[in-house]
């Protein structure tokens, strides 16, 4: 699996250390093992996980600004865990309302020695952002409108919302409240993944 990951990284033009690659494979192995009992992802094949979970998460890394991030509705840690491995200098709070997912994430944190993640079980609207975050990240969590509505208390004055999407969600963008602006839409390249992937970066219009 390390060889497969190495080839995928080469195709995506991403350079990681051997240790980072081993951590990513370790995460896939844990996800595969726990998935049998916890049903954490519909993707059953570890090789598919490398593409649809690992690569699909880490291609976002170059666009993140700041060092403190919160991954809302993280599920089994996507994209937060892969991002924490490729950005060890940043800190990621992994928020999910389901206890079994958070238990899995604590096991990942322990086994992979990830000191820059904090798994938290909470509903997003109940979670206090103190201090505020540089970025709020979500992958398949909600519409852009719901994301900014439920999470508007989380980012700081210069904070951003980072929404991982498939096709450009023009209808969602048109429904964004007036106090939010789409700063950029980044087309992402994920080797061997069918369909388009985009990152939508949203900021609040602070007065």
C-alpha atoms as a PDB file:
ATOM      1  CA  UNK A   1       0.000   0.000   0.000  1.00  0.00           C
ATOM      2  CA  UNK A   2       2.946   2.336   0.622  1.00  0.00           C
ATOM      3  CA  UNK A   3       4.015   1.861  -2.999  1.00  0.00           C
ATOM      4  CA  UNK A   4       0.535   2.681  -4.244  1.00  0.00           C
ATOM      5  CA  UNK A   5       0.387   5.819  -2.082  1.00  0.00           C
ATOM      6  CA  UNK A   6       3.831   6.868  -3.286  1.00  0.00           C
ATOM      7  CA  UNK A   7       2.740   6.561  -6.935  1.00  0.00           C
ATOM      8  CA  UNK A   8      -0.457   8.532  -6.280  1.00  0.00           C
ATOM      9  CA  UNK A   9       1.498  11.303  -4.551  1.00  0.00           C
ATOM     10  CA  UNK A  10       3.895  11.477  -7.512  1.00  0.00           C
ATOM     11  CA  UNK A  11       0.954  11.808  -9.912  1.00  0.00           C
ATOM     12  CA  UNK A  12      -0.563  14.566  -7.788  1.00  0.00           C
ATOM     13  CA  UNK A  13       2.777  16.374  -7.500  1.00  0.00           C
ATOM     14  CA  UNK A  14       2.787  16.102  -3.692  1.00  0.00           C
ATOM     15  CA  UNK A  15       6.008  15.519  -1.783  1.00  0.00           C
ATOM     16  CA  UNK A  16       5.828  13.913   1.682  1.00  0.00           C
ATOM     17  CA  UNK A  17       8.381  12.342   4.011  1.00  0.00           C
ATOM     18  CA  UNK A  18       8.542   8.561   4.521  1.00  0.00           C
ATOM     19  CA  UNK A  19       7.186   9.074   8.038  1.00  0.00           C
ATOM     20  CA  UNK A  20       4.174  11.029   6.749  1.00  0.00           C
ATOM     21  CA  UNK A  21       3.458   8.362   4.142  1.00  0.00           C
ATOM     22  CA  UNK A  22       3.637   5.653   6.812  1.00  0.00           C
ATOM     23  CA  UNK A  23       1.226   7.626   9.002  1.00  0.00           C
ATOM     24  CA  UNK A  24      -1.256   7.983   6.132  1.00  0.00           C
ATOM     25  CA  UNK A  25      -1.122   4.249   5.423  1.00  0.00           C
ATOM     26  CA  UNK A  26      -1.449   3.572   9.163  1.00  0.00           C
ATOM     27  CA  UNK A  27      -4.602   5.686   9.213  1.00  0.00           C
ATOM     28  CA  UNK A  28      -6.075   3.764   6.251  1.00  0.00           C
ATOM     29  CA  UNK A  29      -5.292   0.478   8.010  1.00  0.00           C
ATOM     30  CA  UNK A  30      -7.075   1.655  11.174  1.00  0.00           C
ATOM     31  CA  UNK A  31     -10.030   2.934   9.157  1.00  0.00           C
ATOM     32  CA  UNK A  32     -10.301  -0.394   7.346  1.00  0.00           C
ATOM     33  CA  UNK A  33     -10.045  -2.368  10.601  1.00  0.00           C
ATOM     34  CA  UNK A  34     -12.567  -0.311  12.578  1.00  0.00           C
ATOM     35  CA  UNK A  35     -14.928   0.056   9.624  1.00  0.00           C
ATOM     36  CA  UNK A  36     -16.038  -3.562   9.952  1.00  0.00           C
ATOM     37  CA  UNK A  37     -17.600  -2.910  13.368  1.00  0.00           C
ATOM     38  CA  UNK A  38     -18.240   0.856  13.316  1.00  0.00           C
ATOM     39  CA  UNK A  39     -19.336   1.405   9.701  1.00  0.00           C
ATOM     40  CA  UNK A  40     -17.301   4.616   9.421  1.00  0.00           C
ATOM     41  CA  UNK A  41     -17.223   4.848   5.624  1.00  0.00           C
ATOM     42  CA  UNK A  42     -18.986   3.258   2.662  1.00  0.00           C
ATOM     43  CA  UNK A  43     -15.581   2.768   1.017  1.00  0.00           C
ATOM     44  CA  UNK A  44     -14.503  -0.794   1.867  1.00  0.00           C
ATOM     45  CA  UNK A  45     -11.336  -1.234  -0.195  1.00  0.00           C
ATOM     46  CA  UNK A  46      -8.176   0.253   1.391  1.00  0.00           C
ATOM     47  CA  UNK A  47      -6.759   1.031  -2.073  1.00  0.00           C
ATOM     48  CA  UNK A  48      -9.896   3.040  -2.851  1.00  0.00           C
ATOM     49  CA  UNK A  49      -9.534   4.805   0.495  1.00  0.00           C
ATOM     50  CA  UNK A  50      -6.105   6.054  -0.612  1.00  0.00           C
ATOM     51  CA  UNK A  51      -7.737   7.856  -3.529  1.00  0.00           C
ATOM     52  CA  UNK A  52     -11.159   8.829  -2.210  1.00  0.00           C
ATOM     53  CA  UNK A  53     -10.157   9.700   1.350  1.00  0.00           C
ATOM     54  CA  UNK A  54      -6.423  10.406   1.569  1.00  0.00           C
ATOM     55  CA  UNK A  55      -5.632  12.130  -1.741  1.00  0.00           C
ATOM     56  CA  UNK A  56      -9.045  13.810  -1.816  1.00  0.00           C
ATOM     57  CA  UNK A  57      -8.255  15.371   1.585  1.00  0.00           C
ATOM     58  CA  UNK A  58      -4.621  16.406   1.243  1.00  0.00           C
ATOM     59  CA  UNK A  59      -4.946  18.170  -2.136  1.00  0.00           C
ATOM     60  CA  UNK A  60      -6.597  20.964  -0.129  1.00  0.00           C
ATOM     61  CA  UNK A  61      -3.526  21.591   2.059  1.00  0.00           C
ATOM     62  CA  UNK A  62      -1.852  24.290  -0.105  1.00  0.00           C
ATOM     63  CA  UNK A  63      -4.959  26.505   0.063  1.00  0.00           C
ATOM     64  CA  UNK A  64      -5.322  26.612   3.854  1.00  0.00           C
ATOM     65  CA  UNK A  65      -4.275  29.891   5.465  1.00  0.00           C
ATOM     66  CA  UNK A  66      -3.343  29.985   9.139  1.00  0.00           C
ATOM     67  CA  UNK A  67      -2.513  27.332  11.708  1.00  0.00           C
ATOM     68  CA  UNK A  68      -5.686  26.587  13.720  1.00  0.00           C
ATOM     69  CA  UNK A  69      -8.463  24.728  11.953  1.00  0.00           C
ATOM     70  CA  UNK A  70     -11.697  22.984  12.856  1.00  0.00           C
ATOM     71  CA  UNK A  71     -13.063  20.133  10.746  1.00  0.00           C
ATOM     72  CA  UNK A  72     -16.838  20.168  11.296  1.00  0.00           C
ATOM     73  CA  UNK A  73     -18.766  16.939  10.786  1.00  0.00           C
ATOM     74  CA  UNK A  74     -15.400  15.201  10.492  1.00  0.00           C
ATOM     75  CA  UNK A  75     -16.889  11.671  10.523  1.00  0.00           C
ATOM     76  CA  UNK A  76     -13.934   9.271  10.716  1.00  0.00           C
ATOM     77  CA  UNK A  77     -11.516  12.223  10.481  1.00  0.00           C
ATOM     78  CA  UNK A  78     -11.902  13.443   6.910  1.00  0.00           C
ATOM     79  CA  UNK A  79     -10.264  15.633   5.812  1.00  0.00           C
ATOM     80  CA  UNK A  80      -8.829  16.548   9.221  1.00  0.00           C
ATOM     81  CA  UNK A  81      -6.611  13.522   9.954  1.00  0.00           C
ATOM     82  CA  UNK A  82      -4.845  13.391   6.562  1.00  0.00           C
ATOM     83  CA  UNK A  83      -4.413  17.190   6.677  1.00  0.00           C
ATOM     84  CA  UNK A  84      -2.936  17.019  10.185  1.00  0.00           C
ATOM     85  CA  UNK A  85      -0.358  14.521   8.906  1.00  0.00           C
ATOM     86  CA  UNK A  86       0.706  16.639   5.914  1.00  0.00           C
ATOM     87  CA  UNK A  87       0.570  19.900   7.943  1.00  0.00           C
ATOM     88  CA  UNK A  88       2.196  18.946  11.264  1.00  0.00           C
ATOM     89  CA  UNK A  89       2.768  22.623  12.064  1.00  0.00           C
ATOM     90  CA  UNK A  90      -1.015  23.250  12.126  1.00  0.00           C
ATOM     91  CA  UNK A  91      -3.577  22.173  14.727  1.00  0.00           C
ATOM     92  CA  UNK A  92      -6.895  20.539  13.846  1.00  0.00           C
ATOM     93  CA  UNK A  93      -9.966  20.229  16.064  1.00  0.00           C
ATOM     94  CA  UNK A  94     -12.034  17.286  14.778  1.00  0.00           C
ATOM     95  CA  UNK A  95     -15.693  17.830  15.616  1.00  0.00           C
ATOM     96  CA  UNK A  96     -18.405  15.206  15.350  1.00  0.00           C
ATOM     97  CA  UNK A  97     -21.643  14.588  17.230  1.00  0.00           C
ATOM     98  CA  UNK A  98     -21.346  10.784  17.142  1.00  0.00           C
ATOM     99  CA  UNK A  99     -19.507   9.091  20.002  1.00  0.00           C
ATOM    100  CA  UNK A 100     -18.283   6.056  18.037  1.00  0.00           C
ATOM    101  CA  UNK A 101     -16.530   8.286  15.504  1.00  0.00           C
ATOM    102  CA  UNK A 102     -14.823  10.292  18.241  1.00  0.00           C
ATOM    103  CA  UNK A 103     -13.726   7.058  19.974  1.00  0.00           C
ATOM    104  CA  UNK A 104     -12.185   5.942  16.685  1.00  0.00           C
ATOM    105  CA  UNK A 105     -10.403   9.295  16.309  1.00  0.00           C
ATOM    106  CA  UNK A 106      -8.951   9.033  19.826  1.00  0.00           C
ATOM    107  CA  UNK A 107      -7.569   5.618  18.882  1.00  0.00           C
ATOM    108  CA  UNK A 108      -6.050   7.113  15.701  1.00  0.00           C
ATOM    109  CA  UNK A 109      -4.542   9.936  17.767  1.00  0.00           C
ATOM    110  CA  UNK A 110      -3.021   7.415  20.188  1.00  0.00           C
ATOM    111  CA  UNK A 111      -1.703   4.872  17.661  1.00  0.00           C
ATOM    112  CA  UNK A 112      -0.294   7.395  15.166  1.00  0.00           C
ATOM    113  CA  UNK A 113       1.036   9.766  17.879  1.00  0.00           C
ATOM    114  CA  UNK A 114      -0.774  12.739  16.374  1.00  0.00           C
ATOM    115  CA  UNK A 115      -0.242  15.575  18.832  1.00  0.00           C
ATOM    116  CA  UNK A 116      -1.810  18.223  16.574  1.00  0.00           C
ATOM    117  CA  UNK A 117      -5.396  16.911  16.561  1.00  0.00           C
ATOM    118  CA  UNK A 118      -8.138  17.233  19.177  1.00  0.00           C
ATOM    119  CA  UNK A 119     -11.162  14.942  18.671  1.00  0.00           C
ATOM    120  CA  UNK A 120     -14.283  16.506  20.204  1.00  0.00           C
ATOM    121  CA  UNK A 121     -17.815  15.140  20.502  1.00  0.00           C
ATOM    122  CA  UNK A 122     -20.231  18.042  20.147  1.00  0.00           C
ATOM    123  CA  UNK A 123     -22.880  19.550  17.938  1.00  0.00           C
ATOM    124  CA  UNK A 124     -21.274  22.381  15.990  1.00  0.00           C
ATOM    125  CA  UNK A 125     -23.732  25.017  17.228  1.00  0.00           C
ATOM    126  CA  UNK A 126     -22.895  24.106  20.858  1.00  0.00           C
ATOM    127  CA  UNK A 127     -19.127  24.252  20.452  1.00  0.00           C
ATOM    128  CA  UNK A 128     -17.411  27.447  21.656  1.00  0.00           C
ATOM    129  CA  UNK A 129     -14.572  28.794  19.519  1.00  0.00           C
ATOM    130  CA  UNK A 130     -12.127  30.140  22.066  1.00  0.00           C
ATOM    131  CA  UNK A 131      -9.863  31.309  20.658  1.00  0.00           C
ATOM    132  CA  UNK A 132     -11.462  31.613  17.194  1.00  0.00           C
ATOM    133  CA  UNK A 133     -10.170  29.465  14.338  1.00  0.00           C
ATOM    134  CA  UNK A 134      -8.245  30.480  11.215  1.00  0.00           C
ATOM    135  CA  UNK A 135     -10.296  28.088   9.117  1.00  0.00           C
ATOM    136  CA  UNK A 136     -13.508  26.057   9.251  1.00  0.00           C
ATOM    137  CA  UNK A 137     -13.262  22.990   7.007  1.00  0.00           C
ATOM    138  CA  UNK A 138     -16.042  20.708   5.852  1.00  0.00           C
ATOM    139  CA  UNK A 139     -16.295  17.805   3.459  1.00  0.00           C
ATOM    140  CA  UNK A 140     -19.807  16.613   2.612  1.00  0.00           C
ATOM    141  CA  UNK A 141     -21.090  18.189   5.828  1.00  0.00           C
ATOM    142  CA  UNK A 142     -23.792  20.549   4.630  1.00  0.00           C
ATOM    143  CA  UNK A 143     -24.765  23.129   2.041  1.00  0.00           C
ATOM    144  CA  UNK A 144     -22.723  26.340   1.998  1.00  0.00           C
ATOM    145  CA  UNK A 145     -25.669  28.203   3.501  1.00  0.00           C
ATOM    146  CA  UNK A 146     -25.987  25.760   6.397  1.00  0.00           C
ATOM    147  CA  UNK A 147     -22.233  25.717   6.873  1.00  0.00           C
ATOM    148  CA  UNK A 148     -21.872  29.476   7.309  1.00  0.00           C
ATOM    149  CA  UNK A 149     -25.081  29.688   9.382  1.00  0.00           C
ATOM    150  CA  UNK A 150     -24.151  26.921  11.829  1.00  0.00           C
ATOM    151  CA  UNK A 151     -20.443  27.750  11.964  1.00  0.00           C
ATOM    152  CA  UNK A 152     -20.350  31.547  11.813  1.00  0.00           C
ATOM    153  CA  UNK A 153     -19.219  31.748  15.468  1.00  0.00           C
ATOM    154  CA  UNK A 154     -16.110  29.641  14.780  1.00  0.00           C
ATOM    155  CA  UNK A 155     -13.703  31.653  12.556  1.00  0.00           C
ATOM    156  CA  UNK A 156     -11.770  34.732  13.658  1.00  0.00           C
ATOM    157  CA  UNK A 157     -11.843  38.094  11.883  1.00  0.00           C
ATOM    158  CA  UNK A 158      -9.500  36.840   9.151  1.00  0.00           C
ATOM    159  CA  UNK A 159     -10.888  33.296   9.208  1.00  0.00           C
ATOM    160  CA  UNK A 160     -12.160  31.401   6.189  1.00  0.00           C
ATOM    161  CA  UNK A 161     -14.650  28.661   5.448  1.00  0.00           C
ATOM    162  CA  UNK A 162     -13.234  25.846   3.302  1.00  0.00           C
ATOM    163  CA  UNK A 163     -15.915  23.650   1.715  1.00  0.00           C
ATOM    164  CA  UNK A 164     -14.823  20.551  -0.228  1.00  0.00           C
ATOM    165  CA  UNK A 165     -17.270  19.985  -3.050  1.00  0.00           C
ATOM    166  CA  UNK A 166     -17.660  17.965  -6.229  1.00  0.00           C
ATOM    167  CA  UNK A 167     -19.015  20.128  -9.027  1.00  0.00           C
ATOM    168  CA  UNK A 168     -19.012  23.880  -8.488  1.00  0.00           C
ATOM    169  CA  UNK A 169     -22.187  24.367  -6.390  1.00  0.00           C
ATOM    170  CA  UNK A 170     -23.561  27.387  -8.253  1.00  0.00           C
ATOM    171  CA  UNK A 171     -27.010  27.033  -6.688  1.00  0.00           C
ATOM    172  CA  UNK A 172     -25.531  26.952  -3.169  1.00  0.00           C
ATOM    173  CA  UNK A 173     -23.320  29.946  -3.927  1.00  0.00           C
ATOM    174  CA  UNK A 174     -26.318  31.951  -5.150  1.00  0.00           C
ATOM    175  CA  UNK A 175     -28.107  31.257  -1.829  1.00  0.00           C
ATOM    176  CA  UNK A 176     -25.262  32.457   0.402  1.00  0.00           C
ATOM    177  CA  UNK A 177     -26.355  35.203   2.842  1.00  0.00           C
ATOM    178  CA  UNK A 178     -25.266  38.718   1.834  1.00  0.00           C
ATOM    179  CA  UNK A 179     -22.780  38.941   4.701  1.00  0.00           C
ATOM    180  CA  UNK A 180     -20.635  36.197   3.165  1.00  0.00           C
ATOM    181  CA  UNK A 181     -18.555  36.279  -0.021  1.00  0.00           C
ATOM    182  CA  UNK A 182     -16.954  33.515  -2.089  1.00  0.00           C
ATOM    183  CA  UNK A 183     -13.276  34.464  -2.076  1.00  0.00           C
ATOM    184  CA  UNK A 184     -12.124  31.783  -4.514  1.00  0.00           C
ATOM    185  CA  UNK A 185     -13.042  28.469  -6.124  1.00  0.00           C
ATOM    186  CA  UNK A 186     -10.114  26.124  -6.572  1.00  0.00           C
ATOM    187  CA  UNK A 187     -10.270  23.209  -9.017  1.00  0.00           C
ATOM    188  CA  UNK A 188      -8.620  20.218  -7.371  1.00  0.00           C
ATOM    189  CA  UNK A 189      -6.819  17.369  -9.096  1.00  0.00           C
ATOM    190  CA  UNK A 190      -7.149  13.946  -7.481  1.00  0.00           C
ATOM    191  CA  UNK A 191      -5.496  11.157  -9.520  1.00  0.00           C
ATOM    192  CA  UNK A 192      -7.843   8.299 -10.505  1.00  0.00           C
ATOM    193  CA  UNK A 193     -10.903   9.929  -8.931  1.00  0.00           C
ATOM    194  CA  UNK A 194     -13.962  10.068 -11.143  1.00  0.00           C
ATOM    195  CA  UNK A 195     -15.837  13.351 -11.258  1.00  0.00           C
ATOM    196  CA  UNK A 196     -14.742  16.896 -10.497  1.00  0.00           C
ATOM    197  CA  UNK A 197     -13.519  18.191  -7.140  1.00  0.00           C
ATOM    198  CA  UNK A 198     -13.505  21.824  -6.059  1.00  0.00           C
ATOM    199  CA  UNK A 199     -12.642  23.799  -2.954  1.00  0.00           C
ATOM    200  CA  UNK A 200     -14.930  26.749  -2.250  1.00  0.00           C
ATOM    201  CA  UNK A 201     -13.341  29.377   0.012  1.00  0.00           C
ATOM    202  CA  UNK A 202     -15.809  31.705   1.737  1.00  0.00           C
ATOM    203  CA  UNK A 203     -15.154  34.675   4.006  1.00  0.00           C
ATOM    204  CA  UNK A 204     -17.396  36.819   6.129  1.00  0.00           C
ATOM    205  CA  UNK A 205     -17.720  40.493   5.183  1.00  0.00           C
ATOM    206  CA  UNK A 206     -16.518  41.886   8.504  1.00  0.00           C
ATOM    207  CA  UNK A 207     -17.349  45.543   9.035  1.00  0.00           C
END
